[in-house]
Amino acid sequence: MKPEIVDIVPGVSEDDLAAFQVEAEEGYDLGAMLSGPNPHRLQVVPDDLVAEVERVARARGVAPEAVIRAALTEYLATTA
């Protein structure tokens, strides 16, 4: 089933379309649209461990993800 292409959208006027076009052509500040951390994220790592990872990351000047990646890589190398 192919969608039908129409020339009008009920409830959207020609002026609305012109305004949408101008807005799109001006561009969007995507940085302003980014949200913070997900408030619904499930916390499965104990707070003390998160704090330690963040401390090590700050000390090394890297992101916490890099600390976790390095620790996991090192751990997996010892279990193979």
C-alpha atoms as a PDB file:
ATOM      1  CA  MET A   1       0.000   0.000   0.000  1.00  0.00           C
ATOM      2  CA  LYS A   2       1.506   3.315  -1.089  1.00  0.00           C
ATOM      3  CA  PRO A   3       0.656   6.506   0.783  1.00  0.00           C
ATOM      4  CA  GLU A   4      -1.486   8.981  -1.091  1.00  0.00           C
ATOM      5  CA  ILE A   5       0.194  12.268  -1.975  1.00  0.00           C
ATOM      6  CA  VAL A   6      -2.117  15.218  -1.424  1.00  0.00           C
ATOM      7  CA  ASP A   7      -1.896  18.941  -2.057  1.00  0.00           C
ATOM      8  CA  ILE A   8      -3.593  19.979   1.181  1.00  0.00           C
ATOM      9  CA  VAL A   9      -3.528  18.978   4.815  1.00  0.00           C
ATOM     10  CA  PRO A  10      -6.734  19.646   6.720  1.00  0.00           C
ATOM     11  CA  GLY A  11      -6.137  22.269   9.407  1.00  0.00           C
ATOM     12  CA  VAL A  12      -2.882  23.571   7.874  1.00  0.00           C
ATOM     13  CA  SER A  13      -3.219  26.793   5.902  1.00  0.00           C
ATOM     14  CA  GLU A  14      -0.988  28.167   3.162  1.00  0.00           C
ATOM     15  CA  ASP A  15       0.292  30.710   5.712  1.00  0.00           C
ATOM     16  CA  ASP A  16       1.180  27.869   8.096  1.00  0.00           C
ATOM     17  CA  LEU A  17       3.078  26.099   5.319  1.00  0.00           C
ATOM     18  CA  ALA A  18       4.954  29.294   4.453  1.00  0.00           C
ATOM     19  CA  ALA A  19       5.904  29.768   8.114  1.00  0.00           C
ATOM     20  CA  PHE A  20       7.064  26.127   8.364  1.00  0.00           C
ATOM     21  CA  GLN A  21       9.179  26.616   5.241  1.00  0.00           C
ATOM     22  CA  VAL A  22      10.844  29.767   6.590  1.00  0.00           C
ATOM     23  CA  GLU A  23      11.520  28.039   9.910  1.00  0.00           C
ATOM     24  CA  ALA A  24      13.065  25.005   8.193  1.00  0.00           C
ATOM     25  CA  GLU A  25      15.206  27.112   5.873  1.00  0.00           C
ATOM     26  CA  GLU A  26      16.563  29.127   8.818  1.00  0.00           C
ATOM     27  CA  GLY A  27      17.722  25.884  10.405  1.00  0.00           C
ATOM     28  CA  TYR A  28      17.488  24.575  13.929  1.00  0.00           C
ATOM     29  CA  ASP A  29      19.815  24.824  16.898  1.00  0.00           C
ATOM     30  CA  LEU A  30      20.048  21.116  17.643  1.00  0.00           C
ATOM     31  CA  GLY A  31      22.173  21.768  20.710  1.00  0.00           C
ATOM     32  CA  ALA A  32      19.275  23.603  22.308  1.00  0.00           C
ATOM     33  CA  MET A  33      16.968  20.690  21.519  1.00  0.00           C
ATOM     34  CA  LEU A  34      19.055  18.051  23.292  1.00  0.00           C
ATOM     35  CA  SER A  35      17.692  16.972  26.617  1.00  0.00           C
ATOM     36  CA  GLY A  36      19.536  15.985  29.740  1.00  0.00           C
ATOM     37  CA  PRO A  37      19.760  12.540  31.210  1.00  0.00           C
ATOM     38  CA  ASN A  38      16.704  10.351  30.878  1.00  0.00           C
ATOM     39  CA  PRO A  39      14.752  10.702  34.145  1.00  0.00           C
ATOM     40  CA  HIS A  40      13.286   7.234  33.570  1.00  0.00           C
ATOM     41  CA  ARG A  41      16.660   5.496  33.292  1.00  0.00           C
ATOM     42  CA  LEU A  42      16.948   2.455  35.480  1.00  0.00           C
ATOM     43  CA  GLN A  43      19.825   2.754  37.943  1.00  0.00           C
ATOM     44  CA  VAL A  44      21.389  -0.695  38.140  1.00  0.00           C
ATOM     45  CA  VAL A  45      24.886   0.340  39.205  1.00  0.00           C
ATOM     46  CA  PRO A  46      25.346   1.174  42.893  1.00  0.00           C
ATOM     47  CA  ASP A  47      25.930   4.869  43.596  1.00  0.00           C
ATOM     48  CA  ASP A  48      29.346   4.258  45.175  1.00  0.00           C
ATOM     49  CA  LEU A  49      30.558   2.453  42.044  1.00  0.00           C
ATOM     50  CA  VAL A  50      29.231   5.236  39.797  1.00  0.00           C
ATOM     51  CA  ALA A  51      31.048   7.788  41.968  1.00  0.00           C
ATOM     52  CA  GLU A  52      34.300   5.816  41.735  1.00  0.00           C
ATOM     53  CA  VAL A  53      34.050   5.515  37.943  1.00  0.00           C
ATOM     54  CA  GLU A  54      33.428   9.266  37.714  1.00  0.00           C
ATOM     55  CA  ARG A  55      36.395   9.966  40.038  1.00  0.00           C
ATOM     56  CA  VAL A  56      38.727   7.819  37.924  1.00  0.00           C
ATOM     57  CA  ALA A  57      37.409   9.414  34.728  1.00  0.00           C
ATOM     58  CA  ARG A  58      38.103  12.919  36.065  1.00  0.00           C
ATOM     59  CA  ALA A  59      41.589  11.877  37.207  1.00  0.00           C
ATOM     60  CA  ARG A  60      42.373  10.429  33.767  1.00  0.00           C
ATOM     61  CA  GLY A  61      40.672  13.244  31.869  1.00  0.00           C
ATOM     62  CA  VAL A  62      38.373  10.878  29.999  1.00  0.00           C
ATOM     63  CA  ALA A  63      34.665  10.128  29.849  1.00  0.00           C
ATOM     64  CA  PRO A  64      33.213   7.614  32.324  1.00  0.00           C
ATOM     65  CA  GLU A  65      32.378   5.372  29.363  1.00  0.00           C
ATOM     66  CA  ALA A  66      36.098   5.084  28.585  1.00  0.00           C
ATOM     67  CA  VAL A  67      36.835   3.944  32.142  1.00  0.00           C
ATOM     68  CA  ILE A  68      34.096   1.320  31.962  1.00  0.00           C
ATOM     69  CA  ARG A  69      35.257   0.153  28.521  1.00  0.00           C
ATOM     70  CA  ALA A  70      38.867  -0.192  29.707  1.00  0.00           C
ATOM     71  CA  ALA A  71      37.867  -2.046  32.878  1.00  0.00           C
ATOM     72  CA  LEU A  72      35.605  -4.412  30.976  1.00  0.00           C
ATOM     73  CA  THR A  73      38.256  -5.056  28.316  1.00  0.00           C
ATOM     74  CA  GLU A  74      40.847  -5.800  31.004  1.00  0.00           C
ATOM     75  CA  TYR A  75      38.448  -8.094  32.873  1.00  0.00           C
ATOM     76  CA  LEU A  76      37.441 -10.020  29.754  1.00  0.00           C
ATOM     77  CA  ALA A  77      41.098 -10.510  28.806  1.00  0.00           C
ATOM     78  CA  THR A  78      41.680 -12.303  32.116  1.00  0.00           C
ATOM     79  CA  THR A  79      38.710 -14.642  31.728  1.00  0.00           C
ATOM     80  CA  ALA A  80      39.435 -15.924  28.224  1.00  0.00           C
END
